[in-house]
Amino acid sequence: MTDHFQQSAFDAAALAQSLAKAQGFALCGIASAEASAYADELNRWLSEGKHGEMHYLADHADIRADPGKLVEGAANVIVVADAYHPHAESQVRSGKPLGRVAKYAWGDDYHKVLKKRLHAVCNALEAQYPGYTYRATTDTAPIAERELATRAGLGWTGKHTLMIHPRFGSYFLLGTVVTTLPMQTSELAGFPAPLGSPTGHCGGCTRCIDACPTDAIAQEGYSVDARKCISYLTLEHRGEIDEQYHEPMGDWLAGCDICQEACPHNQRRSSLAGQDNDPLQVHARYTPHDYAQGFDLLEVLNWTAEDRQQAFIGSALKRIKLEMMQRNALIAAGNHLRDHDHPALRERVIELAHADNHPPLVRDTARSVSQRLGYLP
């Protein structure tokens, strides 16, 4: 009976991995659905307010820490990773001041790209193993996907808190299937390649910590204060951004890749990406859009609601409201104008500082930037 159960669990795991590969996922592993080993650390982080305005993290902390509360009777979690492009082909942009976008958002909305294929995996497993529960999730569900990814052998958690694969770095998007189906875990299978033990390989390296311009990563690593993180400030924070972060934000409009760009484990992947010897599949829907080169700051500051909607069709960035995007563009414009004169951009910043027909967030940010540059008293 035991041998039969083990064989069935082995077969189920093999099928799951085969289905994931057929769907084009770069990596797939299986973790047990046990509760998080870091629940206390999560609760401490939340109690210190380091999640900022991301109230959903606190609202569902108990579920996030235990897959069994997300899916009753959960036995295992299938964890998949999509690779995405770490660079975009250069295009001539006529020297226009541009604002950068984090690499994960260069292609189509990863939530949809992941979810559709995860559902296909669920359906195929259910056809072979009926009577079990299968729930596909992305980062919109309360689940600790990075911890589960490390348990499943996809990598280890780096000092910047992102998952790092020992060969391929950290440019990955994660998805899961939480299931009641018994399966052999990656650990019990001995972490077959390209998987590996979640043993960390950051060692004494502090490049991500040193590179972060807002000091968002704790000095000892493995913890990020979201309230200081450029990704949080540009994507999640709804109000004015504290002036102390304006200059460190540089030209980032949506998200930030600085800690990943500094990581030595990403250098090899970046050098191979897009070449014939690139070892990872990258789904066609992650092909970079034109804005991978950056958004024209002046254009963004002149956007209407319809312009924003058109720019973000099919993009994960569509969650950024127009006033937030223009707030971010004003800060990036201020940083550009600090070192380079651009009359049209300068005039638009000053104009917005006096524009009573714009939201207070835009007008107040424009005033702050104008004052910092000496355009206003």
Protein backbone atom coordinates (compact mmCIF):
# COMPACT_ATOMS: atom_id res chain seq x y z
CA MET A 1 0.00 0.00 0.00
CA THR A 2 2.80 2.36 0.92
CA ASP A 3 4.71 1.55 -2.28
CA HIS A 4 1.58 2.15 -4.32
CA PHE A 5 1.00 5.51 -2.64
CA GLN A 6 4.60 6.55 -3.23
CA GLN A 7 4.40 5.56 -6.89
CA SER A 8 1.16 7.48 -7.29
CA ALA A 9 2.69 10.56 -5.65
CA PHE A 10 5.73 10.23 -7.92
CA ASP A 11 3.54 9.92 -11.02
CA ALA A 12 1.45 12.93 -10.02
CA ALA A 13 4.55 15.05 -9.53
CA ALA A 14 6.01 13.94 -12.86
CA LEU A 15 2.75 14.80 -14.61
CA ALA A 16 2.60 18.23 -12.98
CA GLN A 17 6.13 19.03 -14.07
CA SER A 18 5.48 17.77 -17.58
CA LEU A 19 2.34 19.89 -17.85
CA ALA A 20 4.19 22.95 -16.59
CA LYS A 21 6.94 22.45 -19.15
CA ALA A 22 4.37 22.04 -21.91
CA GLN A 23 2.85 25.37 -20.88
CA GLY A 24 6.24 27.03 -21.30
CA PHE A 25 7.12 27.66 -17.66
CA ALA A 26 10.86 28.00 -17.21
CA LEU A 27 10.94 26.25 -13.82
CA CYS A 28 8.60 24.02 -11.86
CA GLY A 29 8.94 22.43 -8.44
CA ILE A 30 6.70 20.99 -5.74
CA ALA A 31 6.61 21.98 -2.08
CA SER A 32 4.67 20.59 0.84
CA ALA A 33 1.76 22.79 1.90
CA GLU A 34 3.02 23.23 5.43
CA ALA A 35 2.69 26.54 7.24
CA SER A 36 5.30 29.25 6.79
CA ALA A 37 8.46 29.06 8.89
CA TYR A 38 8.53 32.87 8.99
CA ALA A 39 5.08 33.74 10.36
CA ASP A 40 6.59 35.47 13.39
CA GLU A 41 8.88 37.56 11.19
CA LEU A 42 5.94 38.52 8.96
CA ASN A 43 3.84 39.59 11.92
CA ARG A 44 6.74 41.62 13.33
CA TRP A 45 7.27 43.31 9.96
CA LEU A 46 3.59 44.15 9.79
CA SER A 47 3.47 45.42 13.38
CA GLU A 48 6.31 47.81 12.54
CA GLY A 49 4.25 49.20 9.68
CA LYS A 50 6.82 48.29 7.04
CA HIS A 51 4.06 47.24 4.62
CA GLY A 52 3.01 50.88 4.29
CA GLU A 53 -0.40 51.22 2.63
CA MET A 54 -0.51 47.58 1.49
CA HIS A 55 -3.24 46.78 3.98
CA TYR A 56 -4.14 43.57 2.19
CA LEU A 57 -0.92 42.05 3.55
CA ALA A 58 -2.09 42.54 7.12
CA ASP A 59 -5.73 41.67 6.40
CA HIS A 60 -4.81 38.19 5.19
CA ALA A 61 -1.60 37.51 7.09
CA ASP A 62 -2.91 34.31 8.68
CA ILE A 63 -3.91 32.88 5.30
CA ARG A 64 -0.67 33.99 3.68
CA ALA A 65 1.28 32.08 6.31
CA ASP A 66 -0.59 28.80 5.79
CA PRO A 67 -1.69 27.38 2.40
CA GLY A 68 -4.04 25.07 4.32
CA LYS A 69 -6.15 28.14 5.13
CA LEU A 70 -6.32 29.08 1.48
CA VAL A 71 -7.29 25.58 0.34
CA GLU A 72 -8.74 23.29 2.99
CA GLY A 73 -6.84 20.04 3.19
CA ALA A 74 -3.98 21.32 1.00
CA ALA A 75 -1.21 18.75 0.67
CA ASN A 76 1.17 20.31 -1.81
CA VAL A 77 1.90 23.43 -3.80
CA ILE A 78 3.11 23.32 -7.39
CA VAL A 79 5.31 26.36 -7.92
CA VAL A 80 6.17 27.62 -11.40
CA ALA A 81 8.36 30.44 -12.62
CA ASP A 82 8.19 32.43 -15.83
CA ALA A 83 11.42 34.02 -16.97
CA TYR A 84 11.25 37.52 -18.39
CA HIS A 85 13.62 39.65 -20.43
CA PRO A 86 16.35 41.43 -18.44
CA HIS A 87 17.14 43.84 -21.29
CA ALA A 88 15.44 45.49 -24.23
CA GLU A 89 16.84 46.24 -27.66
CA SER A 90 17.99 49.83 -27.94
CA GLN A 91 15.91 52.25 -29.97
CA VAL A 92 16.63 55.85 -30.89
CA ARG A 93 14.39 58.16 -28.84
CA SER A 94 15.69 61.55 -30.09
CA GLY A 95 17.25 62.42 -26.76
CA LYS A 96 13.88 62.89 -25.05
CA PRO A 97 13.85 62.77 -21.23
CA LEU A 98 12.55 59.31 -20.36
CA GLY A 99 11.21 57.60 -17.26
CA ARG A 100 12.09 53.96 -16.65
CA VAL A 101 9.77 51.01 -16.05
CA ALA A 102 10.72 47.86 -14.13
CA LYS A 103 11.53 44.93 -16.37
CA TYR A 104 8.75 42.66 -15.08
CA ALA A 105 6.22 45.04 -16.68
CA TRP A 106 7.84 45.34 -20.11
CA GLY A 107 5.59 42.66 -21.60
CA ASP A 108 1.92 41.80 -21.20
CA ASP A 109 0.28 41.60 -17.78
CA TYR A 110 1.99 38.66 -16.10
CA HIS A 111 -1.07 37.93 -13.94
CA LYS A 112 -3.06 36.99 -17.03
CA VAL A 113 -0.18 35.24 -18.77
CA LEU A 114 0.47 33.08 -15.71
CA LYS A 115 -3.12 32.44 -14.69
CA LYS A 116 -4.40 31.14 -18.01
CA ARG A 117 -1.65 28.53 -18.22
CA LEU A 118 -1.94 27.59 -14.54
CA HIS A 119 -5.62 26.90 -15.12
CA ALA A 120 -4.64 24.63 -18.01
CA VAL A 121 -2.35 22.70 -15.65
CA CYS A 122 -5.17 22.45 -13.10
CA ASN A 123 -7.64 21.16 -15.69
CA ALA A 124 -5.24 18.53 -16.98
CA LEU A 125 -4.43 17.32 -13.46
CA GLU A 126 -8.12 17.17 -12.57
CA ALA A 127 -8.81 15.08 -15.66
CA GLN A 128 -6.18 12.57 -14.54
CA TYR A 129 -6.79 12.84 -10.79
CA PRO A 130 -10.45 13.78 -10.21
CA GLY A 131 -11.85 14.40 -6.76
CA TYR A 132 -9.03 16.69 -5.59
CA THR A 133 -8.96 20.47 -5.26
CA TYR A 134 -6.73 22.61 -7.48
CA ARG A 135 -6.42 26.39 -7.01
CA ALA A 136 -4.22 28.49 -9.28
CA THR A 137 -2.76 31.64 -7.74
CA THR A 138 -0.54 34.56 -8.64
CA ASP A 139 0.63 37.32 -6.31
CA THR A 140 -2.92 38.67 -6.08
CA ALA A 141 -3.78 35.80 -3.70
CA PRO A 142 -2.60 35.67 -0.08
CA ILE A 143 0.16 33.12 -0.45
CA ALA A 144 3.89 33.20 0.37
CA GLU A 145 4.95 32.25 -3.14
CA ARG A 146 8.63 33.13 -2.68
CA GLU A 147 9.03 30.97 0.41
CA LEU A 148 7.19 28.14 -1.34
CA ALA A 149 9.39 28.61 -4.41
CA THR A 150 12.50 28.09 -2.30
CA ARG A 151 11.00 24.99 -0.69
CA ALA A 152 10.20 23.70 -4.16
CA GLY A 153 13.85 24.10 -5.19
CA LEU A 154 13.49 27.01 -7.60
CA GLY A 155 16.15 29.01 -5.77
CA TRP A 156 16.85 30.73 -2.46
CA THR A 157 15.67 34.01 -0.98
CA GLY A 158 18.30 36.70 -1.51
CA LYS A 159 19.15 39.60 0.74
CA HIS A 160 16.84 41.79 -1.36
CA THR A 161 14.06 39.27 -0.48
CA LEU A 162 13.61 38.10 -4.09
CA MET A 163 14.08 34.51 -5.22
CA ILE A 164 17.44 33.83 -6.87
CA HIS A 165 18.14 30.77 -9.00
CA PRO A 166 21.79 29.68 -8.70
CA ARG A 167 22.33 29.79 -12.48
CA PHE A 168 19.65 32.09 -13.82
CA GLY A 169 19.33 34.87 -11.26
CA SER A 170 16.15 36.56 -10.10
CA TYR A 171 14.27 37.79 -13.18
CA PHE A 172 11.30 35.49 -12.59
CA LEU A 173 7.55 35.76 -12.10
CA LEU A 174 6.01 33.18 -9.77
CA GLY A 175 2.72 31.32 -9.78
CA THR A 176 1.34 28.40 -7.79
CA VAL A 177 -1.25 25.66 -7.77
CA VAL A 178 -2.36 24.77 -4.26
CA THR A 179 -3.81 21.27 -4.26
CA THR A 180 -5.03 18.47 -2.06
CA LEU A 181 -3.43 15.96 -4.44
CA PRO A 182 -0.58 13.99 -2.80
CA MET A 183 2.63 14.45 -4.77
CA GLN A 184 6.30 13.80 -4.29
CA THR A 185 7.97 17.05 -3.31
CA SER A 186 11.12 18.36 -4.96
CA GLU A 187 12.96 17.84 -1.68
CA LEU A 188 12.02 14.16 -1.49
CA ALA A 189 13.03 13.78 -5.13
CA GLY A 190 16.46 15.21 -4.32
CA PHE A 191 15.94 18.55 -6.10
CA PRO A 192 16.54 17.30 -9.66
CA ALA A 193 18.15 19.87 -12.00
CA PRO A 194 17.44 22.61 -12.84
CA LEU A 195 16.10 22.73 -9.28
CA GLY A 196 18.38 22.86 -6.26
CA SER A 197 18.52 22.98 -2.51
CA PRO A 198 17.30 26.33 -1.15
CA THR A 199 20.68 26.89 0.47
CA GLY A 200 21.53 30.58 0.17
CA HIS A 201 24.52 31.75 -1.85
CA CYS A 202 24.54 35.44 -1.00
CA GLY A 203 27.37 34.96 1.47
CA GLY A 204 29.01 38.23 2.44
CA CYS A 205 27.80 40.05 -0.68
CA THR A 206 25.97 43.31 0.02
CA ARG A 207 25.70 44.72 -3.50
CA CYS A 208 21.91 44.96 -3.47
CA ILE A 209 21.96 46.63 -0.05
CA ASP A 210 24.65 49.09 -1.09
CA ALA A 211 22.97 49.87 -4.41
CA CYS A 212 19.52 50.72 -3.03
CA PRO A 213 19.35 54.54 -3.19
CA THR A 214 16.65 54.82 -0.51
CA ASP A 215 18.20 52.36 1.98
CA ALA A 216 15.06 50.23 1.80
CA ILE A 217 16.93 46.94 2.38
CA ALA A 218 17.94 46.22 5.97
CA GLN A 219 21.71 46.35 6.53
CA GLU A 220 21.75 42.68 7.47
CA GLY A 221 19.57 41.91 4.44
CA TYR A 222 16.50 39.69 4.05
CA SER A 223 14.04 42.45 4.94
CA VAL A 224 12.75 45.44 2.98
CA ASP A 225 10.97 48.45 4.40
CA ALA A 226 8.35 48.95 1.70
CA ARG A 227 7.80 52.56 2.74
CA LYS A 228 11.27 53.39 1.40
CA CYS A 229 11.21 51.12 -1.66
CA ILE A 230 10.98 52.84 -5.04
CA SER A 231 8.72 50.07 -6.36
CA TYR A 232 6.32 50.68 -3.50
CA LEU A 233 6.50 54.46 -3.79
CA THR A 234 5.74 54.46 -7.51
CA LEU A 235 3.18 51.64 -7.62
CA GLU A 236 1.46 51.33 -4.25
CA HIS A 237 1.73 54.67 -2.44
CA ARG A 238 -1.28 56.85 -3.27
CA GLY A 239 -0.31 60.19 -1.76
CA GLU A 240 2.57 62.63 -2.01
CA ILE A 241 6.05 61.14 -1.92
CA ASP A 242 8.30 62.51 0.80
CA GLU A 243 10.81 64.92 -0.71
CA GLN A 244 13.70 62.99 0.84
CA TYR A 245 13.04 60.27 -1.76
CA HIS A 246 12.67 62.54 -4.81
CA GLU A 247 16.33 62.63 -5.80
CA PRO A 248 17.04 58.95 -4.97
CA MET A 249 14.11 57.92 -7.19
CA GLY A 250 16.08 59.05 -10.22
CA ASP A 251 14.15 58.38 -13.43
CA TRP A 252 11.96 55.52 -12.21
CA LEU A 253 8.31 55.91 -13.20
CA ALA A 254 6.96 52.47 -12.35
CA GLY A 255 8.81 49.97 -10.20
CA CYS A 256 12.57 49.62 -9.81
CA ASP A 257 15.23 47.07 -10.77
CA ILE A 258 18.27 48.52 -9.00
CA CYS A 259 18.76 45.71 -6.49
CA GLN A 260 18.40 43.08 -9.22
CA GLU A 261 20.74 44.92 -11.57
CA ALA A 262 23.36 45.00 -8.82
CA CYS A 263 23.09 41.27 -8.09
CA PRO A 264 26.02 39.27 -9.51
CA HIS A 265 23.77 36.24 -10.01
CA ASN A 266 21.91 38.15 -12.73
CA GLN A 267 24.96 39.00 -14.79
CA ARG A 268 25.20 35.68 -16.62
CA ARG A 269 21.49 35.58 -17.38
CA SER A 270 21.56 39.15 -18.71
CA SER A 271 24.47 38.36 -21.00
CA LEU A 272 22.64 35.40 -22.56
CA ALA A 273 19.09 36.75 -22.70
CA GLY A 274 17.71 37.07 -26.20
CA GLN A 275 20.53 35.00 -27.69
CA ASP A 276 20.31 31.53 -29.19
CA ASN A 277 22.15 30.08 -26.19
CA ASP A 278 19.73 31.61 -23.68
CA PRO A 279 18.95 28.58 -21.48
CA LEU A 280 15.48 29.77 -20.44
CA GLN A 281 12.21 29.86 -22.31
CA VAL A 282 10.60 33.30 -22.27
CA HIS A 283 6.93 33.35 -23.16
CA ALA A 284 6.14 35.33 -26.31
CA ARG A 285 3.74 37.58 -24.38
CA TYR A 286 6.66 38.93 -22.36
CA THR A 287 8.21 40.42 -25.49
CA PRO A 288 9.03 44.02 -24.48
CA HIS A 289 6.66 46.76 -25.56
CA ASP A 290 8.04 50.06 -26.85
CA TYR A 291 7.87 51.58 -23.39
CA ALA A 292 10.59 49.17 -22.26
CA GLN A 293 12.86 51.98 -23.45
CA GLY A 294 11.04 54.36 -21.13
CA PHE A 295 8.09 56.74 -21.25
CA ASP A 296 8.55 60.26 -22.59
CA LEU A 297 8.21 62.38 -19.45
CA LEU A 298 6.74 65.36 -21.25
CA GLU A 299 4.13 63.17 -22.91
CA VAL A 300 3.15 61.63 -19.57
CA LEU A 301 2.75 65.11 -18.05
CA ASN A 302 0.33 65.93 -20.87
CA TRP A 303 -1.61 62.66 -20.71
CA THR A 304 -5.39 62.54 -20.46
CA ALA A 305 -7.18 59.66 -18.77
CA GLU A 306 -7.69 58.12 -22.21
CA ASP A 307 -3.99 58.44 -23.02
CA ARG A 308 -3.11 56.56 -19.83
CA GLN A 309 -5.63 53.87 -20.61
CA GLN A 310 -4.29 53.40 -24.13
CA ALA A 311 -0.68 53.30 -22.94
CA PHE A 312 -1.39 50.55 -20.44
CA ILE A 313 -3.62 48.24 -22.49
CA GLY A 314 -2.68 44.67 -21.57
CA SER A 315 -0.05 45.85 -19.09
CA ALA A 316 0.40 45.12 -15.40
CA LEU A 317 0.90 48.89 -15.04
CA LYS A 318 -2.78 49.66 -15.64
CA ARG A 319 -3.27 49.70 -11.86
CA ILE A 320 -1.32 52.98 -11.66
CA LYS A 321 -3.73 55.90 -11.67
CA LEU A 322 -3.11 58.87 -13.93
CA GLU A 323 -2.37 61.22 -11.04
CA MET A 324 0.16 58.75 -9.60
CA MET A 325 1.89 58.35 -12.96
CA GLN A 326 2.11 62.12 -13.38
CA ARG A 327 3.37 62.49 -9.79
CA ASN A 328 6.15 60.02 -10.61
CA ALA A 329 6.87 61.77 -13.91
CA LEU A 330 7.18 65.13 -12.16
CA ILE A 331 9.77 63.74 -9.75
CA ALA A 332 11.71 62.14 -12.62
CA ALA A 333 11.44 65.40 -14.58
CA GLY A 334 12.85 67.32 -11.64
CA ASN A 335 15.81 64.99 -11.47
CA HIS A 336 16.43 65.41 -15.19
CA LEU A 337 16.10 69.20 -15.07
CA ARG A 338 18.54 69.38 -12.20
CA ASP A 339 21.34 68.48 -14.63
CA HIS A 340 19.88 69.27 -18.07
CA ASP A 341 17.83 72.18 -19.32
CA HIS A 342 14.75 71.24 -21.30
CA PRO A 343 12.55 74.31 -21.85
CA ALA A 344 9.33 72.49 -22.74
CA LEU A 345 9.65 70.12 -19.78
CA ARG A 346 10.52 72.96 -17.44
CA GLU A 347 7.54 75.02 -18.60
CA ARG A 348 5.18 72.06 -18.13
CA VAL A 349 6.38 71.45 -14.57
CA ILE A 350 5.84 75.13 -13.70
CA GLU A 351 2.45 75.11 -15.43
CA LEU A 352 1.29 72.11 -13.41
CA ALA A 353 2.42 73.81 -10.20
CA HIS A 354 -0.30 76.43 -10.86
CA ALA A 355 -2.90 74.13 -12.46
CA ASP A 356 -6.00 74.23 -10.29
CA ASN A 357 -7.77 71.98 -12.79
CA HIS A 358 -5.44 69.07 -11.92
CA PRO A 359 -5.64 66.79 -8.88
CA PRO A 360 -3.93 68.15 -5.73
CA LEU A 361 -1.42 65.27 -5.85
CA VAL A 362 -0.15 66.47 -9.25
CA ARG A 363 -0.24 70.17 -8.43
CA ASP A 364 1.45 69.79 -5.03
CA THR A 365 4.17 67.54 -6.43
CA ALA A 366 4.80 70.02 -9.24
CA ARG A 367 5.14 72.82 -6.69
CA SER A 368 7.54 70.77 -4.59
CA VAL A 369 9.68 69.96 -7.62
CA SER A 370 9.58 73.57 -8.85
CA GLN A 371 10.67 74.87 -5.46
CA ARG A 372 13.50 72.33 -5.26
CA LEU A 373 14.74 73.53 -8.65
CA GLY A 374 14.36 77.21 -7.74
CA TYR A 375 11.54 77.87 -10.22
CA LEU A 376 9.25 78.98 -7.40
CA PRO A 377 10.01 80.70 -4.09
